[in-house]
Protein backbone atom coordinates (compact mmCIF):
# COMPACT_ATOMS: atom_id res chain seq x y z
CA UNK A 1 -38.11 -11.21 15.30
CA UNK A 2 -38.44 -12.97 11.67
CA UNK A 3 -35.02 -14.88 11.76
CA UNK A 4 -36.04 -18.44 12.64
CA UNK A 5 -33.45 -19.93 15.63
CA UNK A 6 -33.35 -23.45 16.02
CA UNK A 7 -30.03 -24.07 17.73
CA UNK A 8 -27.18 -22.38 19.45
CA UNK A 9 -23.53 -23.61 19.79
CA UNK A 10 -21.37 -22.43 22.35
CA UNK A 11 -17.72 -22.35 21.30
CA UNK A 12 -14.93 -22.72 23.41
CA UNK A 13 -14.22 -20.37 26.39
CA UNK A 14 -17.50 -18.27 25.36
CA UNK A 15 -19.15 -18.88 28.78
CA UNK A 16 -17.28 -16.04 30.49
CA UNK A 17 -18.32 -13.10 28.20
CA UNK A 18 -21.66 -11.08 29.12
CA UNK A 19 -22.76 -11.21 25.55
CA UNK A 20 -22.85 -14.93 25.77
CA UNK A 21 -25.36 -14.73 28.96
CA UNK A 22 -27.33 -11.92 27.16
CA UNK A 23 -27.99 -13.80 23.91
CA UNK A 24 -28.58 -17.28 25.72
CA UNK A 25 -31.12 -15.18 27.85
CA UNK A 26 -32.82 -13.94 24.52
CA UNK A 27 -32.89 -17.56 23.52
CA UNK A 28 -33.94 -19.38 26.53
CA UNK A 29 -36.40 -21.42 24.87
CA UNK A 30 -33.75 -22.93 22.19
CA UNK A 31 -31.53 -25.99 22.43
CA UNK A 32 -27.97 -25.29 23.36
CA UNK A 33 -25.09 -27.60 23.05
CA UNK A 34 -21.32 -27.23 23.14
CA UNK A 35 -18.60 -27.71 20.50
CA UNK A 36 -16.77 -31.14 21.26
CA UNK A 37 -13.30 -29.62 21.92
CA UNK A 38 -13.35 -27.53 18.91
CA UNK A 39 -14.05 -30.84 16.95
CA UNK A 40 -14.40 -30.24 13.35
CA UNK A 41 -17.85 -32.13 12.78
CA UNK A 42 -19.19 -29.09 14.66
CA UNK A 43 -18.00 -26.83 12.23
CA UNK A 44 -18.40 -28.76 8.79
CA UNK A 45 -17.02 -27.36 5.57
CA UNK A 46 -19.97 -25.45 3.61
CA UNK A 47 -19.19 -27.71 0.76
CA UNK A 48 -20.52 -30.54 3.19
CA UNK A 49 -23.30 -28.41 4.04
CA UNK A 50 -24.41 -27.18 0.42
CA UNK A 51 -27.65 -29.14 0.23
CA UNK A 52 -28.79 -27.97 3.49
CA UNK A 53 -29.24 -24.45 4.98
CA UNK A 54 -25.35 -23.49 5.66
CA UNK A 55 -26.63 -23.48 9.16
CA UNK A 56 -28.88 -20.36 8.68
CA UNK A 57 -31.12 -21.54 11.63
CA UNK A 58 -27.89 -22.05 14.00
CA UNK A 59 -26.54 -19.25 16.43
CA UNK A 60 -22.57 -20.11 16.83
CA UNK A 61 -21.13 -18.39 19.62
CA UNK A 62 -17.29 -17.74 19.28
CA UNK A 63 -14.36 -15.74 20.65
CA UNK A 64 -13.19 -14.36 17.83
CA UNK A 65 -9.10 -14.07 17.68
CA UNK A 66 -8.54 -11.98 14.74
CA UNK A 67 -8.43 -7.86 14.28
CA UNK A 68 -12.12 -6.35 14.68
CA UNK A 69 -11.30 -3.43 12.83
CA UNK A 70 -9.78 -3.75 8.99
CA UNK A 71 -9.98 -2.48 5.79
CA UNK A 72 -12.44 -3.63 3.13
CA UNK A 73 -10.75 -6.26 1.05
CA UNK A 74 -10.54 -4.13 -2.17
CA UNK A 75 -8.45 -4.54 -5.10
CA UNK A 76 -5.63 -2.35 -6.56
CA UNK A 77 -7.45 -2.59 -9.98
CA UNK A 78 -10.19 -0.77 -9.16
CA UNK A 79 -11.37 2.67 -7.15
CA UNK A 80 -11.84 1.64 -3.73
CA UNK A 81 -13.95 3.59 -1.08
CA UNK A 82 -11.30 3.01 1.76
CA UNK A 83 -14.15 1.71 4.22
CA UNK A 84 -13.59 -0.04 7.28
CA UNK A 85 -15.02 -3.23 8.58
CA UNK A 86 -16.05 -3.94 11.84
CA UNK A 87 -16.36 -7.76 12.00
CA UNK A 88 -19.12 -8.84 14.51
CA UNK A 89 -19.91 -11.80 13.11
CA UNK A 90 -20.06 -13.75 9.77
CA UNK A 91 -22.65 -15.47 7.76
CA UNK A 92 -26.26 -14.18 7.49
CA UNK A 93 -29.52 -15.54 8.46
CA UNK A 94 -30.98 -14.13 4.88
CA UNK A 95 -30.54 -16.25 2.04
CA UNK A 96 -30.12 -13.70 -1.04
CA UNK A 97 -29.30 -15.95 -4.21
CA UNK A 98 -26.39 -14.29 -5.35
CA UNK A 99 -24.55 -13.60 -1.91
CA UNK A 100 -20.84 -13.80 -1.96
CA UNK A 101 -20.98 -15.14 1.49
CA UNK A 102 -22.18 -18.54 0.05
CA UNK A 103 -18.47 -18.97 -1.03
CA UNK A 104 -16.49 -16.62 0.78
CA UNK A 105 -16.18 -18.92 4.41
CA UNK A 106 -15.49 -22.09 4.86
CA UNK A 107 -17.63 -22.81 7.97
CA UNK A 108 -21.64 -22.65 8.17
CA UNK A 109 -23.62 -21.29 11.01
CA UNK A 110 -24.28 -17.68 12.13
CA UNK A 111 -21.33 -16.96 13.87
CA UNK A 112 -21.45 -14.16 16.35
CA UNK A 113 -18.34 -12.93 18.04
CA UNK A 114 -19.30 -12.68 21.84
CA UNK A 115 -16.21 -10.87 22.85
CA UNK A 116 -16.70 -7.77 20.82
CA UNK A 117 -17.83 -5.64 23.57
CA UNK A 118 -14.85 -6.30 25.21
CA UNK A 119 -12.23 -5.88 22.03
CA UNK A 120 -14.06 -2.21 21.57
CA UNK A 121 -11.74 -0.70 23.47
CA UNK A 122 -8.49 -1.92 21.23
CA UNK A 123 -10.87 -0.54 18.22
CA UNK A 124 -11.41 2.95 19.73
CA UNK A 125 -7.90 3.14 20.48
CA UNK A 126 -7.09 2.96 16.82
CA UNK A 127 -9.51 5.43 15.77
CA UNK A 128 -8.34 7.78 18.32
CA UNK A 129 -4.70 7.31 17.39
CA UNK A 130 -5.26 8.91 14.13
CA UNK A 131 -7.73 12.01 14.98
CA UNK A 132 -7.05 13.68 11.60
CA UNK A 133 -8.58 10.74 9.73
CA UNK A 134 -12.11 9.86 9.18
CA UNK A 135 -12.78 6.39 9.79
CA UNK A 136 -16.13 5.07 7.96
CA UNK A 137 -16.85 1.65 9.61
CA UNK A 138 -19.52 -0.57 8.88
CA UNK A 139 -20.75 -3.82 10.13
CA UNK A 140 -22.56 -5.21 7.11
CA UNK A 141 -19.73 -6.69 5.20
CA UNK A 142 -19.47 -10.46 6.15
CA UNK A 143 -23.34 -10.39 7.88
CA UNK A 144 -26.40 -8.28 7.81
CA UNK A 145 -25.74 -5.34 10.33
CA UNK A 146 -29.40 -5.70 11.90
CA UNK A 147 -30.42 -9.38 11.19
CA UNK A 148 -29.58 -10.79 14.60
CA UNK A 149 -29.56 -7.53 16.21
CA UNK A 150 -32.74 -8.48 18.50
CA UNK A 151 -30.94 -11.49 19.68
CA UNK A 152 -27.06 -10.08 19.63
CA UNK A 153 -28.04 -6.47 20.67
CA UNK A 154 -25.05 -5.41 18.53
CA UNK A 155 -26.59 -1.70 18.08
CA UNK A 156 -26.75 -1.63 21.72
CA UNK A 157 -22.95 -2.20 22.29
CA UNK A 158 -21.73 -0.51 19.30
CA UNK A 159 -23.63 2.97 19.00
CA UNK A 160 -22.28 4.68 21.95
CA UNK A 161 -18.44 4.75 21.18
CA UNK A 162 -19.30 5.58 17.78
CA UNK A 163 -21.74 8.29 18.49
CA UNK A 164 -19.24 10.32 20.52
CA UNK A 165 -16.32 10.36 18.57
CA UNK A 166 -15.89 13.13 15.65
CA UNK A 167 -13.63 11.23 13.29
CA UNK A 168 -15.68 8.21 12.98
CA UNK A 169 -19.27 7.32 11.67
CA UNK A 170 -20.86 3.92 11.91
CA UNK A 171 -23.11 2.44 9.15
CA UNK A 172 -25.33 -0.52 9.95
CA UNK A 173 -26.51 -1.89 6.32
CA UNK A 174 -29.28 -4.05 6.25
CA UNK A 175 -32.31 -5.76 4.08
CA UNK A 176 -34.49 -6.09 7.34
CA UNK A 177 -36.79 -4.25 9.33
CA UNK A 178 -35.06 -4.91 12.48
CA UNK A 179 -34.78 -1.06 13.64
CA UNK A 180 -36.33 -1.30 16.89
CA UNK A 181 -33.30 -1.26 18.96
CA UNK A 182 -31.81 1.48 17.01
CA UNK A 183 -35.34 3.56 17.41
CA UNK A 184 -35.29 2.82 21.06
CA UNK A 185 -31.34 4.37 21.71
CA UNK A 186 -30.48 7.70 22.34
CA UNK A 187 -27.91 7.59 19.74
CA UNK A 188 -28.20 9.33 16.39
CA UNK A 189 -25.10 11.62 15.75
CA UNK A 190 -22.21 9.72 13.53
CA UNK A 191 -24.93 6.72 13.03
CA UNK A 192 -25.81 5.96 9.76
CA UNK A 193 -28.71 3.45 8.88
CA UNK A 194 -28.51 2.26 5.18
CA UNK A 195 -30.61 -0.40 2.94
CA UNK A 196 -29.78 -2.55 0.23
CA UNK A 197 -31.94 -1.90 -2.26
CA UNK A 198 -32.80 -3.85 -5.69
CA UNK A 199 -35.60 -3.82 -8.29
CA UNK A 200 -39.02 -4.90 -7.25
CA UNK A 201 -38.62 -8.04 -9.22
CA UNK A 202 -34.87 -8.94 -7.78
CA UNK A 203 -36.31 -8.31 -4.53
CA UNK A 204 -39.18 -10.81 -4.69
CA UNK A 205 -37.10 -13.43 -6.82
CA UNK A 206 -33.96 -13.46 -5.35
CA UNK A 207 -33.74 -11.71 -2.06
CA UNK A 208 -34.90 -14.69 0.31
CA UNK A 209 -35.68 -14.19 4.08
CA UNK A 210 -35.23 -10.46 3.68
CA UNK A 211 -37.91 -7.51 4.26
CA UNK A 212 -39.95 -6.51 1.10
CA UNK A 213 -38.78 -3.65 -0.68
CA UNK A 214 -41.79 -1.51 0.27
CA UNK A 215 -40.84 -2.59 4.20
CA UNK A 216 -37.36 -1.44 3.88
CA UNK A 217 -38.45 1.54 2.76
CA UNK A 218 -40.75 2.15 5.22
CA UNK A 219 -38.33 1.50 7.75
CA UNK A 220 -35.89 3.92 6.22
CA UNK A 221 -38.66 6.53 6.66
CA UNK A 222 -39.28 5.74 10.41
CA UNK A 223 -35.28 6.05 10.93
CA UNK A 224 -35.12 9.23 8.96
CA UNK A 225 -38.11 10.83 11.11
CA UNK A 226 -36.54 9.66 14.27
CA UNK A 227 -33.21 11.49 13.42
CA UNK A 228 -31.08 8.95 11.60
CA UNK A 229 -28.83 9.94 8.95
CA UNK A 230 -29.71 7.42 5.88
CA UNK A 231 -27.97 5.61 3.04
CA UNK A 232 -28.89 3.26 0.44
CA UNK A 233 -26.95 0.84 -1.49
CA UNK A 234 -27.69 -0.68 -5.32
CA UNK A 235 -25.74 -3.27 -5.15
CA UNK A 236 -25.78 -5.64 -6.83
CA UNK A 237 -27.50 -4.26 -9.88
CA UNK A 238 -28.69 -7.06 -11.91
CA UNK A 239 -29.56 -7.08 -15.43
CA UNK A 240 -33.31 -8.80 -15.69
CA UNK A 241 -36.30 -8.31 -17.91
CA UNK A 242 -37.37 -4.99 -18.11
CA UNK A 243 -34.71 -3.84 -15.85
CA UNK A 244 -34.87 -0.09 -16.85
CA UNK A 245 -38.66 0.06 -15.58
CA UNK A 246 -38.26 -2.04 -12.61
CA UNK A 247 -35.59 0.05 -11.03
CA UNK A 248 -37.53 2.91 -11.80
CA UNK A 249 -40.30 1.69 -9.74
CA UNK A 250 -37.67 1.45 -6.80
CA UNK A 251 -36.64 4.91 -7.23
CA UNK A 252 -40.46 6.03 -7.53
CA UNK A 253 -40.94 4.08 -4.03
CA UNK A 254 -38.24 6.05 -2.56
CA UNK A 255 -39.57 9.31 -3.67
CA UNK A 256 -42.84 8.19 -2.01
CA UNK A 257 -41.06 7.58 1.41
CA UNK A 258 -37.93 9.24 2.07
CA UNK A 259 -36.43 12.63 2.41
CA UNK A 260 -33.81 13.00 -0.22
CA UNK A 261 -31.78 15.80 1.32
CA UNK A 262 -31.24 13.53 4.36
CA UNK A 263 -29.22 10.78 2.35
CA UNK A 264 -25.75 10.77 2.93
CA UNK A 265 -24.72 8.31 0.10
CA UNK A 266 -25.76 5.82 -2.71
CA UNK A 267 -23.63 3.36 -3.78
CA UNK A 268 -24.04 1.47 -7.13
CA UNK A 269 -22.33 -1.88 -8.05
CA UNK A 270 -22.82 -4.30 -10.59
CA UNK A 271 -23.27 -7.76 -9.99
CA UNK A 272 -19.93 -9.77 -9.91
CA UNK A 273 -18.91 -13.14 -8.15
CA UNK A 274 -15.83 -15.43 -7.89
CA UNK A 275 -16.09 -17.94 -10.35
CA UNK A 276 -16.33 -20.64 -7.42
CA UNK A 277 -19.73 -18.90 -6.53
CA UNK A 278 -21.44 -19.90 -9.59
CA UNK A 279 -22.35 -23.82 -9.04
CA UNK A 280 -23.04 -23.35 -5.29
CA UNK A 281 -25.64 -20.76 -6.78
CA UNK A 282 -27.06 -23.13 -9.46
CA UNK A 283 -27.11 -25.64 -6.69
CA UNK A 284 -28.74 -23.79 -3.73
CA UNK A 285 -31.16 -21.69 -5.81
CA UNK A 286 -31.87 -23.69 -8.89
CA UNK A 287 -34.52 -21.21 -9.89
CA UNK A 288 -32.28 -18.19 -9.85
CA UNK A 289 -32.01 -15.78 -12.89
CA UNK A 290 -29.26 -14.22 -12.00
CA UNK A 291 -26.72 -15.92 -13.96
CA UNK A 292 -28.40 -15.45 -17.04
CA UNK A 293 -26.41 -12.44 -18.39
CA UNK A 294 -23.04 -12.65 -20.08
CA UNK A 295 -20.21 -12.29 -17.53
CA UNK A 296 -16.13 -11.94 -18.28
CA UNK A 297 -13.27 -12.19 -15.97
CA UNK A 298 -12.23 -9.23 -14.48
CA UNK A 299 -9.03 -7.75 -12.92
CA UNK A 300 -9.89 -8.50 -9.51
CA UNK A 301 -10.41 -12.48 -10.48
CA UNK A 302 -14.17 -11.69 -10.19
CA UNK A 303 -16.87 -12.72 -13.02
CA UNK A 304 -18.46 -9.30 -13.98
CA UNK A 305 -20.87 -8.16 -16.86
CA UNK A 306 -19.17 -6.64 -19.99
CA UNK A 307 -17.88 -3.14 -19.45
CA UNK A 308 -20.37 -1.39 -21.60
CA UNK A 309 -23.37 -2.98 -19.75
CA UNK A 310 -21.89 -2.25 -16.51
CA UNK A 311 -21.49 1.51 -17.84
CA UNK A 312 -25.14 1.44 -19.15
CA UNK A 313 -26.49 0.09 -15.94
CA UNK A 314 -24.63 3.06 -13.77
CA UNK A 315 -25.79 5.71 -16.42
CA UNK A 316 -29.18 4.97 -16.14
CA UNK A 317 -29.42 4.76 -12.45
CA UNK A 318 -27.11 7.96 -12.00
CA UNK A 319 -29.37 9.63 -14.58
CA UNK A 320 -32.51 8.33 -12.45
CA UNK A 321 -31.16 9.39 -9.07
CA UNK A 322 -30.08 13.19 -10.27
CA UNK A 323 -33.70 13.82 -11.54
CA UNK A 324 -34.86 12.85 -8.26
CA UNK A 325 -32.58 14.69 -6.18
CA UNK A 326 -28.99 16.24 -7.43
CA UNK A 327 -27.09 16.01 -4.27
CA UNK A 328 -27.32 12.27 -3.14
CA UNK A 329 -23.61 11.43 -2.96
CA UNK A 330 -24.00 8.87 -5.66
CA UNK A 331 -20.39 6.51 -6.19
CA UNK A 332 -19.65 3.61 -7.82
CA UNK A 333 -18.31 0.42 -5.96
CA UNK A 334 -14.90 -1.16 -6.85
CA UNK A 335 -14.91 0.28 -10.91
CA UNK A 336 -12.22 1.87 -12.85
CA UNK A 337 -11.48 5.13 -13.66
CA UNK A 338 -12.59 4.78 -17.38
CA UNK A 339 -16.36 3.54 -16.02
CA UNK A 340 -16.80 6.24 -13.62
CA UNK A 341 -15.79 8.83 -16.54
CA UNK A 342 -18.19 7.24 -18.94
CA UNK A 343 -21.14 6.21 -16.72
CA UNK A 344 -20.97 9.28 -14.09
CA UNK A 345 -19.45 12.12 -15.98
CA UNK A 346 -16.67 12.74 -13.60
CA UNK A 347 -13.98 10.12 -11.73
CA UNK A 348 -12.45 10.45 -8.50
CA UNK A 349 -9.50 9.48 -10.29
CA UNK A 350 -7.93 7.12 -7.41
CA UNK A 351 -8.82 5.30 -4.16
CA UNK A 352 -7.76 8.39 -2.40
CA UNK A 353 -9.89 10.50 -4.54
CA UNK A 354 -12.92 8.63 -3.72
CA UNK A 355 -12.24 8.70 0.19
CA UNK A 356 -11.78 12.27 0.03
CA UNK A 357 -15.39 12.46 -1.81
CA UNK A 358 -16.59 10.38 0.68
CA UNK A 359 -15.34 12.26 3.53
CA UNK A 360 -16.74 15.29 2.43
CA UNK A 361 -20.12 13.63 2.82
CA UNK A 362 -19.38 13.07 6.31
CA UNK A 363 -18.30 16.42 6.94
CA UNK A 364 -21.42 17.92 5.43
CA UNK A 365 -23.79 15.50 7.58
CA UNK A 366 -21.87 15.81 10.74
CA UNK A 367 -19.69 18.71 10.90
């Protein structure tokens, strides 16, 4: 495993869970300490940790008391895909300069929800209660889906229940090469393995600790050859020098590794961030170039590229991907009806329309 773990913290009451015992066995040579009665000094604010590493080398085992299955936090001002988030943990051992998680949570450390296995029955009860609804569920919103899989074995815990349900799919989104657990599992149906992609320049310069772009695509090929349905996410698209040539290089690499007819969808989204993230990026990644563009405050309160710039980015990628293969399920993440129409040549018009479009992709691939 490429992720470096040098400390484990045990949250209150976690020793009773089987996941805790399994994780500690896999990290048997790593120092372990307990929270001091939930003392706040064990979980300092990210602002206090800013000059350090945000606890990216520390696994913090906690018993999560919130809802494990929740809708993606979209906004009414833009068209949302209706994604559902399975909250397996928070924070990420990767260190992408643009990552929104740097400002999204007020507690550091790689927080693993060790009561996931016990709470999955409630998740599946929710899914089973609406048999006519397709639940598109992912674990990659608040952490990388596979970065900690060698330690947590999330894939081992989650795949069986999703694979046998006909009204749900599970998407595991990653920038890593940690696919061994998936490949060794016997589950393929209703499982989507997706990789976040960018240009070679951005991947090399801004996506610290992530697998190389070439390695990600090699893993995607391996998973596809092993029978998995795969997806890709170009999010965030970032303006940089020679960006057109750079993104074309990425699609050329995809062409060399991937059978396009096995791709369920590809999302496109432009770099956007809460204003509070800007000084955090400057402080943690002083050499970054992701903030070099011109941004404007969007309807969702996030800084975005000007609309014509976003439409140029999307139009270029959409045309490039369409030349490669015309049925890739390309869609935009959190954009307006106008941007859809101008850059994609069509629009789902509403969030419900986009949900229907993606649900049809699920039916096409899984029945």
